[in-house]
Amino acid sequence: SIIGGIAQGGGFTAIFSIIARVAITDAQAASGSAWVQTGGYLVATITP
């Protein structure tokens, strides 16, 4: 449980840190984050 918790906290940070680093504009950051979260949260509604 502890190992999995470390993974989920670090995994979230890793993904959105990469978006913030590669986006050149605010519009890119917003659209990129939107695409990533749309896909991720759609899967999150299915998996439980």
All heavy atoms as atom14 arrays in JSON, in Angstrom:
{
  "sequence": "SIIGGIAQGGGFTAIFSIIARVAITDAQAASGSAWVQTGGYLVATITP",
  "atom14_mask": [
    [1, 1, 1, 1, 1, 1, 0, 0, 0, 0, 0, 0, 0, 0],
    [1, 1, 1, 1, 1, 1, 1, 1, 0, 0, 0, 0, 0, 0],
    [1, 1, 1, 1, 1, 1, 1, 1, 0, 0, 0, 0, 0, 0],
    [1, 1, 1, 1, 0, 0, 0, 0, 0, 0, 0, 0, 0, 0],
    [1, 1, 1, 1, 0, 0, 0, 0, 0, 0, 0, 0, 0, 0],
    [1, 1, 1, 1, 1, 1, 1, 1, 0, 0, 0, 0, 0, 0],
    [1, 1, 1, 1, 1, 0, 0, 0, 0, 0, 0, 0, 0, 0],
    [1, 1, 1, 1, 1, 1, 1, 1, 1, 0, 0, 0, 0, 0],
    [1, 1, 1, 1, 0, 0, 0, 0, 0, 0, 0, 0, 0, 0],
    [1, 1, 1, 1, 0, 0, 0, 0, 0, 0, 0, 0, 0, 0],
    [1, 1, 1, 1, 0, 0, 0, 0, 0, 0, 0, 0, 0, 0],
    [1, 1, 1, 1, 1, 1, 1, 1, 1, 1, 1, 0, 0, 0],
    [1, 1, 1, 1, 1, 1, 1, 0, 0, 0, 0, 0, 0, 0],
    [1, 1, 1, 1, 1, 0, 0, 0, 0, 0, 0, 0, 0, 0],
    [1, 1, 1, 1, 1, 1, 1, 1, 0, 0, 0, 0, 0, 0],
    [1, 1, 1, 1, 1, 1, 1, 1, 1, 1, 1, 0, 0, 0],
    [1, 1, 1, 1, 1, 1, 0, 0, 0, 0, 0, 0, 0, 0],
    [1, 1, 1, 1, 1, 1, 1, 1, 0, 0, 0, 0, 0, 0],
    [1, 1, 1, 1, 1, 1, 1, 1, 0, 0, 0, 0, 0, 0],
    [1, 1, 1, 1, 1, 0, 0, 0, 0, 0, 0, 0, 0, 0],
    [1, 1, 1, 1, 1, 1, 1, 1, 1, 1, 1, 0, 0, 0],
    [1, 1, 1, 1, 1, 1, 1, 0, 0, 0, 0, 0, 0, 0],
    [1, 1, 1, 1, 1, 0, 0, 0, 0, 0, 0, 0, 0, 0],
    [1, 1, 1, 1, 1, 1, 1, 1, 0, 0, 0, 0, 0, 0],
    [1, 1, 1, 1, 1, 1, 1, 0, 0, 0, 0, 0, 0, 0],
    [1, 1, 1, 1, 1, 1, 1, 1, 0, 0, 0, 0, 0, 0],
    [1, 1, 1, 1, 1, 0, 0, 0, 0, 0, 0, 0, 0, 0],
    [1, 1, 1, 1, 1, 1, 1, 1, 1, 0, 0, 0, 0, 0],
    [1, 1, 1, 1, 1, 0, 0, 0, 0, 0, 0, 0, 0, 0],
    [1, 1, 1, 1, 1, 0, 0, 0, 0, 0, 0, 0, 0, 0],
    [1, 1, 1, 1, 1, 1, 0, 0, 0, 0, 0, 0, 0, 0],
    [1, 1, 1, 1, 0, 0, 0, 0, 0, 0, 0, 0, 0, 0],
    [1, 1, 1, 1, 1, 1, 0, 0, 0, 0, 0, 0, 0, 0],
    [1, 1, 1, 1, 1, 0, 0, 0, 0, 0, 0, 0, 0, 0],
    [1, 1, 1, 1, 1, 1, 1, 1, 1, 1, 1, 1, 1, 1],
    [1, 1, 1, 1, 1, 1, 1, 0, 0, 0, 0, 0, 0, 0],
    [1, 1, 1, 1, 1, 1, 1, 1, 1, 0, 0, 0, 0, 0],
    [1, 1, 1, 1, 1, 1, 1, 0, 0, 0, 0, 0, 0, 0],
    [1, 1, 1, 1, 0, 0, 0, 0, 0, 0, 0, 0, 0, 0],
    [1, 1, 1, 1, 0, 0, 0, 0, 0, 0, 0, 0, 0, 0],
    [1, 1, 1, 1, 1, 1, 1, 1, 1, 1, 1, 1, 0, 0],
    [1, 1, 1, 1, 1, 1, 1, 1, 0, 0, 0, 0, 0, 0],
    [1, 1, 1, 1, 1, 1, 1, 0, 0, 0, 0, 0, 0, 0],
    [1, 1, 1, 1, 1, 0, 0, 0, 0, 0, 0, 0, 0, 0],
    [1, 1, 1, 1, 1, 1, 1, 0, 0, 0, 0, 0, 0, 0],
    [1, 1, 1, 1, 1, 1, 1, 1, 0, 0, 0, 0, 0, 0],
    [1, 1, 1, 1, 1, 1, 1, 0, 0, 0, 0, 0, 0, 0],
    [1, 1, 1, 1, 1, 1, 1, 0, 0, 0, 0, 0, 0, 0]
  ],
  "atom14_positions": [
    [[0.83, -1.21, 0.0], [0.0, 0.0, 0.0], [0.86, 1.26, 0.0], [0.56, 2.23, -0.7], [-0.92, 0.0, 1.23], [-1.83, -1.08, 1.19], [0.0, 0.0, 0.0], [0.0, 0.0, 0.0], [0.0, 0.0, 0.0], [0.0, 0.0, 0.0], [0.0, 0.0, 0.0], [0.0, 0.0, 0.0], [0.0, 0.0, 0.0], [0.0, 0.0, 0.0]],
    [[1.93, 1.24, 0.77], [2.83, 2.4, 0.83], [3.56, 2.58, -0.51], [3.64, 3.7, -1.03], [3.84, 2.24, 1.98], [3.11, 2.29, 3.33], [4.92, 3.31, 1.91], [3.98, 1.97, 4.52], [0.0, 0.0, 0.0], [0.0, 0.0, 0.0], [0.0, 0.0, 0.0], [0.0, 0.0, 0.0], [0.0, 0.0, 0.0], [0.0, 0.0, 0.0]],
    [[4.06, 1.48, -1.06], [4.77, 1.57, -2.34], [3.83, 2.08, -3.44], [4.19, 2.95, -4.24], [5.35, 0.19, -2.72], [6.55, -0.12, -1.82], [5.76, 0.15, -4.19], [7.13, -1.5, -2.03], [0.0, 0.0, 0.0], [0.0, 0.0, 0.0], [0.0, 0.0, 0.0], [0.0, 0.0, 0.0], [0.0, 0.0, 0.0], [0.0, 0.0, 0.0]],
    [[2.6, 1.55, -3.47], [1.64, 2.02, -4.47], [1.28, 3.48, -4.28], [1.1, 4.22, -5.27], [0.0, 0.0, 0.0], [0.0, 0.0, 0.0], [0.0, 0.0, 0.0], [0.0, 0.0, 0.0], [0.0, 0.0, 0.0], [0.0, 0.0, 0.0], [0.0, 0.0, 0.0], [0.0, 0.0, 0.0], [0.0, 0.0, 0.0], [0.0, 0.0, 0.0]],
    [[1.18, 3.92, -3.03], [0.9, 5.33, -2.78], [2.0, 6.24, -3.28], [1.75, 7.3, -3.88], [0.0, 0.0, 0.0], [0.0, 0.0, 0.0], [0.0, 0.0, 0.0], [0.0, 0.0, 0.0], [0.0, 0.0, 0.0], [0.0, 0.0, 0.0], [0.0, 0.0, 0.0], [0.0, 0.0, 0.0], [0.0, 0.0, 0.0], [0.0, 0.0, 0.0]],
    [[3.24, 5.84, -3.04], [4.38, 6.63, -3.56], [4.3, 6.71, -5.08], [4.52, 7.77, -5.68], [5.71, 6.01, -3.11], [5.85, 6.11, -1.59], [6.89, 6.69, -3.8], [7.05, 5.35, -1.03], [0.0, 0.0, 0.0], [0.0, 0.0, 0.0], [0.0, 0.0, 0.0], [0.0, 0.0, 0.0], [0.0, 0.0, 0.0], [0.0, 0.0, 0.0]],
    [[3.96, 5.59, -5.71], [3.87, 5.55, -7.17], [2.79, 6.49, -7.7], [3.02, 7.23, -8.66], [3.59, 4.12, -7.64], [0.0, 0.0, 0.0], [0.0, 0.0, 0.0], [0.0, 0.0, 0.0], [0.0, 0.0, 0.0], [0.0, 0.0, 0.0], [0.0, 0.0, 0.0], [0.0, 0.0, 0.0], [0.0, 0.0, 0.0], [0.0, 0.0, 0.0]],
    [[1.61, 6.48, -7.06], [0.53, 7.31, -7.62], [0.79, 8.8, -7.4], [0.47, 9.62, -8.26], [-0.83, 6.89, -7.04], [-0.98, 6.97, -5.53], [-1.81, 8.16, -5.11], [-2.03, 9.08, -5.88], [-2.25, 8.15, -3.87], [0.0, 0.0, 0.0], [0.0, 0.0, 0.0], [0.0, 0.0, 0.0], [0.0, 0.0, 0.0], [0.0, 0.0, 0.0]],
    [[1.41, 9.18, -6.29], [1.75, 10.59, -6.1], [2.85, 11.05, -7.03], [2.76, 12.12, -7.64], [0.0, 0.0, 0.0], [0.0, 0.0, 0.0], [0.0, 0.0, 0.0], [0.0, 0.0, 0.0], [0.0, 0.0, 0.0], [0.0, 0.0, 0.0], [0.0, 0.0, 0.0], [0.0, 0.0, 0.0], [0.0, 0.0, 0.0], [0.0, 0.0, 0.0]],
    [[3.88, 10.23, -7.2], [4.96, 10.59, -8.11], [4.56, 10.51, -9.56], [5.02, 11.31, -10.38], [0.0, 0.0, 0.0], [0.0, 0.0, 0.0], [0.0, 0.0, 0.0], [0.0, 0.0, 0.0], [0.0, 0.0, 0.0], [0.0, 0.0, 0.0], [0.0, 0.0, 0.0], [0.0, 0.0, 0.0], [0.0, 0.0, 0.0], [0.0, 0.0, 0.0]],
    [[3.69, 9.56, -9.91], [3.25, 9.43, -11.3], [2.47, 10.63, -11.78], [2.68, 11.14, -12.88], [0.0, 0.0, 0.0], [0.0, 0.0, 0.0], [0.0, 0.0, 0.0], [0.0, 0.0, 0.0], [0.0, 0.0, 0.0], [0.0, 0.0, 0.0], [0.0, 0.0, 0.0], [0.0, 0.0, 0.0], [0.0, 0.0, 0.0], [0.0, 0.0, 0.0]],
    [[1.55, 11.12, -10.94], [0.79, 12.33, -11.29], [1.74, 13.5, -11.5], [1.63, 14.25, -12.48], [-0.2, 12.63, -10.17], [-1.06, 13.84, -10.42], [-2.32, 13.71, -10.97], [-0.61, 15.11, -10.09], [-3.11, 14.83, -11.21], [-1.4, 16.23, -10.32], [-2.66, 16.09, -10.88], [0.0, 0.0, 0.0], [0.0, 0.0, 0.0], [0.0, 0.0, 0.0]],
    [[2.7, 13.68, -10.58], [3.65, 14.78, -10.68], [4.48, 14.68, -11.95], [4.72, 15.68, -12.63], [4.56, 14.78, -9.45], [3.76, 14.87, -8.27], [5.53, 15.96, -9.48], [0.0, 0.0, 0.0], [0.0, 0.0, 0.0], [0.0, 0.0, 0.0], [0.0, 0.0, 0.0], [0.0, 0.0, 0.0], [0.0, 0.0, 0.0], [0.0, 0.0, 0.0]],
    [[4.92, 13.47, -12.28], [5.75, 13.28, -13.47], [5.02, 13.68, -14.74], [5.56, 14.41, -15.59], [6.21, 11.82, -13.56], [0.0, 0.0, 0.0], [0.0, 0.0, 0.0], [0.0, 0.0, 0.0], [0.0, 0.0, 0.0], [0.0, 0.0, 0.0], [0.0, 0.0, 0.0], [0.0, 0.0, 0.0], [0.0, 0.0, 0.0], [0.0, 0.0, 0.0]],
    [[3.77, 13.24, -14.88], [3.02, 13.5, -16.11], [2.8, 14.99, -16.31], [3.07, 15.54, -17.39], [1.68, 12.75, -16.06], [1.91, 11.24, -16.2], [0.73, 13.24, -17.17], [0.69, 10.39, -15.93], [0.0, 0.0, 0.0], [0.0, 0.0, 0.0], [0.0, 0.0, 0.0], [0.0, 0.0, 0.0], [0.0, 0.0, 0.0], [0.0, 0.0, 0.0]],
    [[2.34, 15.68, -15.27], [2.0, 17.1, -15.47], [3.22, 18.0, -15.43], [3.18, 19.13, -15.93], [0.92, 17.5, -14.47], [-0.41, 16.88, -14.8], [-0.82, 15.72, -14.19], [-1.21, 17.43, -15.79], [-2.02, 15.12, -14.53], [-2.4, 16.84, -16.15], [-2.81, 15.68, -15.52], [0.0, 0.0, 0.0], [0.0, 0.0, 0.0], [0.0, 0.0, 0.0]],
    [[4.32, 17.52, -14.89], [5.58, 18.27, -15.0], [6.06, 18.27, -16.45], [6.57, 19.28, -16.94], [6.64, 17.66, -14.09], [6.31, 17.8, -12.73], [0.0, 0.0, 0.0], [0.0, 0.0, 0.0], [0.0, 0.0, 0.0], [0.0, 0.0, 0.0], [0.0, 0.0, 0.0], [0.0, 0.0, 0.0], [0.0, 0.0, 0.0], [0.0, 0.0, 0.0]],
    [[5.91, 17.14, -17.12], [6.33, 17.07, -18.52], [5.5, 18.01, -19.38], [6.03, 18.72, -20.25], [6.23, 15.62, -19.04], [7.26, 14.73, -18.34], [6.44, 15.56, -20.56], [7.13, 13.26, -18.65], [0.0, 0.0, 0.0], [0.0, 0.0, 0.0], [0.0, 0.0, 0.0], [0.0, 0.0, 0.0], [0.0, 0.0, 0.0], [0.0, 0.0, 0.0]],
    [[4.18, 18.06, -19.15], [3.34, 18.99, -19.92], [3.79, 20.42, -19.71], [3.94, 21.19, -20.66], [1.86, 18.84, -19.5], [1.33, 17.46, -19.87], [1.0, 19.92, -20.18], [-0.08, 17.2, -19.4], [0.0, 0.0, 0.0], [0.0, 0.0, 0.0], [0.0, 0.0, 0.0], [0.0, 0.0, 0.0], [0.0, 0.0, 0.0], [0.0, 0.0, 0.0]],
    [[4.04, 20.79, -18.46], [4.45, 22.17, -18.16], [5.79, 22.5, -18.81], [6.03, 23.64, -19.21], [4.53, 22.37, -16.65], [0.0, 0.0, 0.0], [0.0, 0.0, 0.0], [0.0, 0.0, 0.0], [0.0, 0.0, 0.0], [0.0, 0.0, 0.0], [0.0, 0.0, 0.0], [0.0, 0.0, 0.0], [0.0, 0.0, 0.0], [0.0, 0.0, 0.0]],
    [[6.65, 21.52, -18.95], [7.98, 21.78, -19.5], [7.98, 21.88, -21.03], [8.75, 22.65, -21.6], [8.95, 20.68, -19.06], [9.31, 20.76, -17.59], [10.36, 19.72, -17.22], [10.79, 19.87, -15.85], [11.81, 19.2, -15.32], [12.48, 18.35, -16.07], [12.14, 19.37, -14.05], [0.0, 0.0, 0.0], [0.0, 0.0, 0.0], [0.0, 0.0, 0.0]],
    [[7.16, 21.09, -21.68], [7.22, 21.08, -23.15], [6.27, 22.08, -23.79], [6.44, 22.43, -24.95], [6.92, 19.66, -23.69], [7.95, 18.67, -23.19], [5.52, 19.21, -23.34], [0.0, 0.0, 0.0], [0.0, 0.0, 0.0], [0.0, 0.0, 0.0], [0.0, 0.0, 0.0], [0.0, 0.0, 0.0], [0.0, 0.0, 0.0], [0.0, 0.0, 0.0]],
    [[5.26, 22.55, -23.05], [4.32, 23.52, -23.63], [5.02, 24.87, -23.79], [5.68, 25.35, -22.87], [3.1, 23.67, -22.73], [0.0, 0.0, 0.0], [0.0, 0.0, 0.0], [0.0, 0.0, 0.0], [0.0, 0.0, 0.0], [0.0, 0.0, 0.0], [0.0, 0.0, 0.0], [0.0, 0.0, 0.0], [0.0, 0.0, 0.0], [0.0, 0.0, 0.0]],
    [[4.87, 25.48, -24.95], [5.5, 26.78, -25.22], [4.58, 27.93, -24.82], [5.04, 28.98, -24.41], [5.86, 26.89, -26.72], [6.83, 25.76, -27.1], [6.48, 28.24, -27.03], [8.12, 25.78, -26.32], [0.0, 0.0, 0.0], [0.0, 0.0, 0.0], [0.0, 0.0, 0.0], [0.0, 0.0, 0.0], [0.0, 0.0, 0.0], [0.0, 0.0, 0.0]],
    [[3.28, 27.74, -24.95], [2.32, 28.79, -24.64], [1.3, 28.3, -23.62], [1.16, 27.1, -23.39], [1.57, 29.25, -25.91], [0.74, 28.18, -26.35], [2.54, 29.66, -27.01], [0.0, 0.0, 0.0], [0.0, 0.0, 0.0], [0.0, 0.0, 0.0], [0.0, 0.0, 0.0], [0.0, 0.0, 0.0], [0.0, 0.0, 0.0], [0.0, 0.0, 0.0]],
    [[0.57, 29.26, -23.04], [-0.52, 28.9, -22.14], [-1.57, 28.07, -22.86], [-2.14, 27.12, -22.29], [-1.19, 30.17, -21.59], [-0.34, 30.86, -20.53], [0.74, 30.32, -20.2], [-0.75, 31.93, -20.05], [0.0, 0.0, 0.0], [0.0, 0.0, 0.0], [0.0, 0.0, 0.0], [0.0, 0.0, 0.0], [0.0, 0.0, 0.0], [0.0, 0.0, 0.0]],
    [[-1.84, 28.4, -24.12], [-2.84, 27.67, -24.89], [-2.42, 26.22, -25.08], [-3.23, 25.29, -24.98], [-3.07, 28.33, -26.25], [0.0, 0.0, 0.0], [0.0, 0.0, 0.0], [0.0, 0.0, 0.0], [0.0, 0.0, 0.0], [0.0, 0.0, 0.0], [0.0, 0.0, 0.0], [0.0, 0.0, 0.0], [0.0, 0.0, 0.0], [0.0, 0.0, 0.0]],
    [[-1.13, 26.0, -25.36], [-0.63, 24.63, -25.48], [-0.76, 23.87, -24.17], [-1.15, 22.71, -24.14], [0.83, 24.64, -25.93], [1.03, 24.56, -27.42], [2.47, 24.19, -27.77], [3.39, 24.29, -26.97], [2.66, 23.77, -29.01], [0.0, 0.0, 0.0], [0.0, 0.0, 0.0], [0.0, 0.0, 0.0], [0.0, 0.0, 0.0], [0.0, 0.0, 0.0]],
    [[-0.39, 24.53, -23.07], [-0.47, 23.88, -21.76], [-1.91, 23.48, -21.44], [-2.17, 22.38, -20.94], [0.08, 24.8, -20.68], [0.0, 0.0, 0.0], [0.0, 0.0, 0.0], [0.0, 0.0, 0.0], [0.0, 0.0, 0.0], [0.0, 0.0, 0.0], [0.0, 0.0, 0.0], [0.0, 0.0, 0.0], [0.0, 0.0, 0.0], [0.0, 0.0, 0.0]],
    [[-2.85, 24.38, -21.72], [-4.26, 24.1, -21.43], [-4.79, 22.97, -22.31], [-5.45, 22.05, -21.82], [-5.09, 25.36, -21.62], [0.0, 0.0, 0.0], [0.0, 0.0, 0.0], [0.0, 0.0, 0.0], [0.0, 0.0, 0.0], [0.0, 0.0, 0.0], [0.0, 0.0, 0.0], [0.0, 0.0, 0.0], [0.0, 0.0, 0.0], [0.0, 0.0, 0.0]],
    [[-4.52, 23.04, -23.63], [-5.05, 22.02, -24.52], [-4.4, 20.66, -24.27], [-5.08, 19.63, -24.27], [-4.85, 22.43, -25.98], [-3.47, 22.53, -26.29], [0.0, 0.0, 0.0], [0.0, 0.0, 0.0], [0.0, 0.0, 0.0], [0.0, 0.0, 0.0], [0.0, 0.0, 0.0], [0.0, 0.0, 0.0], [0.0, 0.0, 0.0], [0.0, 0.0, 0.0]],
    [[-3.08, 20.66, -24.02], [-2.4, 19.41, -23.74], [-2.91, 18.77, -22.46], [-3.19, 17.57, -22.41], [0.0, 0.0, 0.0], [0.0, 0.0, 0.0], [0.0, 0.0, 0.0], [0.0, 0.0, 0.0], [0.0, 0.0, 0.0], [0.0, 0.0, 0.0], [0.0, 0.0, 0.0], [0.0, 0.0, 0.0], [0.0, 0.0, 0.0], [0.0, 0.0, 0.0]],
    [[-3.05, 19.57, -21.41], [-3.56, 19.06, -20.15], [-4.99, 18.56, -20.31], [-5.38, 17.54, -19.73], [-3.51, 20.16, -19.09], [-3.95, 19.7, -17.84], [0.0, 0.0, 0.0], [0.0, 0.0, 0.0], [0.0, 0.0, 0.0], [0.0, 0.0, 0.0], [0.0, 0.0, 0.0], [0.0, 0.0, 0.0], [0.0, 0.0, 0.0], [0.0, 0.0, 0.0]],
    [[-5.79, 19.25, -21.13], [-7.18, 18.83, -21.35], [-7.25, 17.47, -22.03], [-8.03, 16.6, -21.63], [-7.91, 19.89, -22.17], [0.0, 0.0, 0.0], [0.0, 0.0, 0.0], [0.0, 0.0, 0.0], [0.0, 0.0, 0.0], [0.0, 0.0, 0.0], [0.0, 0.0, 0.0], [0.0, 0.0, 0.0], [0.0, 0.0, 0.0], [0.0, 0.0, 0.0]],
    [[-6.44, 17.28, -23.07], [-6.44, 15.98, -23.76], [-6.03, 14.86, -22.82], [-6.66, 13.79, -22.78], [-5.49, 16.03, -24.97], [-6.1, 16.63, -26.18], [-5.83, 17.86, -26.71], [-7.09, 16.04, -27.04], [-6.59, 18.08, -27.83], [-7.37, 16.98, -28.06], [-7.75, 14.83, -27.04], [-8.29, 16.73, -29.07], [-8.68, 14.57, -28.05], [-8.93, 15.52, -29.04]],
    [[-4.96, 15.1, -22.05], [-4.46, 14.07, -21.14], [-5.51, 13.72, -20.09], [-5.78, 12.54, -19.81], [-3.15, 14.54, -20.48], [-2.74, 13.61, -19.34], [-2.03, 14.62, -21.51], [0.0, 0.0, 0.0], [0.0, 0.0, 0.0], [0.0, 0.0, 0.0], [0.0, 0.0, 0.0], [0.0, 0.0, 0.0], [0.0, 0.0, 0.0], [0.0, 0.0, 0.0]],
    [[-6.13, 14.75, -19.51], [-7.1, 14.49, -18.44], [-8.39, 13.91, -18.97], [-9.03, 13.07, -18.29], [-7.36, 15.79, -17.66], [-6.13, 16.25, -16.89], [-6.43, 17.38, -15.93], [-7.37, 17.3, -15.15], [-5.63, 18.43, -15.98], [0.0, 0.0, 0.0], [0.0, 0.0, 0.0], [0.0, 0.0, 0.0], [0.0, 0.0, 0.0], [0.0, 0.0, 0.0]],
    [[-8.81, 14.3, -20.15], [-10.03, 13.71, -20.72], [-9.87, 12.2, -20.87], [-10.72, 11.42, -20.43], [-10.35, 14.35, -22.08], [-10.62, 15.74, -21.9], [-11.56, 13.68, -22.71], [0.0, 0.0, 0.0], [0.0, 0.0, 0.0], [0.0, 0.0, 0.0], [0.0, 0.0, 0.0], [0.0, 0.0, 0.0], [0.0, 0.0, 0.0], [0.0, 0.0, 0.0]],
    [[-8.77, 11.79, -21.49], [-8.54, 10.36, -21.66], [-8.39, 9.64, -20.34], [-9.0, 8.57, -20.12], [0.0, 0.0, 0.0], [0.0, 0.0, 0.0], [0.0, 0.0, 0.0], [0.0, 0.0, 0.0], [0.0, 0.0, 0.0], [0.0, 0.0, 0.0], [0.0, 0.0, 0.0], [0.0, 0.0, 0.0], [0.0, 0.0, 0.0], [0.0, 0.0, 0.0]],
    [[-7.59, 10.2, -19.43], [-7.33, 9.55, -18.16], [-8.56, 9.38, -17.31], [-8.81, 8.3, -16.75], [0.0, 0.0, 0.0], [0.0, 0.0, 0.0], [0.0, 0.0, 0.0], [0.0, 0.0, 0.0], [0.0, 0.0, 0.0], [0.0, 0.0, 0.0], [0.0, 0.0, 0.0], [0.0, 0.0, 0.0], [0.0, 0.0, 0.0], [0.0, 0.0, 0.0]],
    [[-9.38, 10.43, -17.22], [-10.55, 10.34, -16.36], [-11.68, 9.53, -16.97], [-12.52, 8.98, -16.26], [-11.02, 11.74, -15.96], [-10.08, 12.4, -14.98], [-9.51, 13.64, -15.24], [-9.74, 11.76, -13.78], [-8.65, 14.24, -14.33], [-8.87, 12.36, -12.88], [-8.32, 13.59, -13.17], [-7.45, 14.17, -12.27], [0.0, 0.0, 0.0], [0.0, 0.0, 0.0]],
    [[-11.72, 9.45, -18.31], [-12.69, 8.53, -18.92], [-12.36, 7.09, -18.55], [-13.24, 6.29, -18.21], [-12.69, 8.7, -20.44], [-13.48, 9.9, -20.99], [-13.29, 10.02, -22.5], [-14.96, 9.78, -20.66], [0.0, 0.0, 0.0], [0.0, 0.0, 0.0], [0.0, 0.0, 0.0], [0.0, 0.0, 0.0], [0.0, 0.0, 0.0], [0.0, 0.0, 0.0]],
    [[-11.08, 6.74, -18.62], [-10.66, 5.4, -18.2], [-10.95, 5.2, -16.72], [-11.36, 4.11, -16.29], [-9.17, 5.18, -18.53], [-8.65, 3.89, -17.89], [-8.95, 5.14, -20.03], [0.0, 0.0, 0.0], [0.0, 0.0, 0.0], [0.0, 0.0, 0.0], [0.0, 0.0, 0.0], [0.0, 0.0, 0.0], [0.0, 0.0, 0.0], [0.0, 0.0, 0.0]],
    [[-10.75, 6.26, -15.92], [-10.96, 6.16, -14.47], [-12.42, 5.88, -14.12], [-12.7, 5.31, -13.06], [-10.51, 7.44, -13.78], [0.0, 0.0, 0.0], [0.0, 0.0, 0.0], [0.0, 0.0, 0.0], [0.0, 0.0, 0.0], [0.0, 0.0, 0.0], [0.0, 0.0, 0.0], [0.0, 0.0, 0.0], [0.0, 0.0, 0.0], [0.0, 0.0, 0.0]],
    [[-13.35, 6.28, -14.97], [-14.75, 5.98, -14.7], [-15.09, 4.52, -15.01], [-16.06, 3.98, -14.5], [-15.68, 6.89, -15.54], [-15.47, 6.64, -16.93], [-15.42, 8.35, -15.25], [0.0, 0.0, 0.0], [0.0, 0.0, 0.0], [0.0, 0.0, 0.0], [0.0, 0.0, 0.0], [0.0, 0.0, 0.0], [0.0, 0.0, 0.0], [0.0, 0.0, 0.0]],
    [[-14.27, 3.89, -15.86], [-14.56, 2.53, -16.29], [-13.91, 1.49, -15.39], [-14.49, 0.44, -15.11], [-14.07, 2.33, -17.75], [-14.83, 3.26, -18.69], [-14.23, 0.88, -18.19], [-14.26, 3.31, -20.1], [0.0, 0.0, 0.0], [0.0, 0.0, 0.0], [0.0, 0.0, 0.0], [0.0, 0.0, 0.0], [0.0, 0.0, 0.0], [0.0, 0.0, 0.0]],
    [[-12.69, 1.76, -14.94], [-11.91, 0.72, -14.27], [-12.48, 0.26, -12.92], [-12.43, -0.94, -12.64], [-10.45, 1.16, -14.09], [-10.4, 2.47, -13.52], [-9.74, 1.16, -15.43], [0.0, 0.0, 0.0], [0.0, 0.0, 0.0], [0.0, 0.0, 0.0], [0.0, 0.0, 0.0], [0.0, 0.0, 0.0], [0.0, 0.0, 0.0], [0.0, 0.0, 0.0]],
    [[-13.03, 1.14, -12.05], [-13.58, 0.59, -10.8], [-14.72, -0.4, -11.01], [-14.69, -1.49, -10.44], [-14.03, 1.85, -10.05], [-13.14, 2.93, -10.56], [-12.97, 2.61, -12.02], [0.0, 0.0, 0.0], [0.0, 0.0, 0.0], [0.0, 0.0, 0.0], [0.0, 0.0, 0.0], [0.0, 0.0, 0.0], [0.0, 0.0, 0.0], [0.0, 0.0, 0.0]]
  ]
}
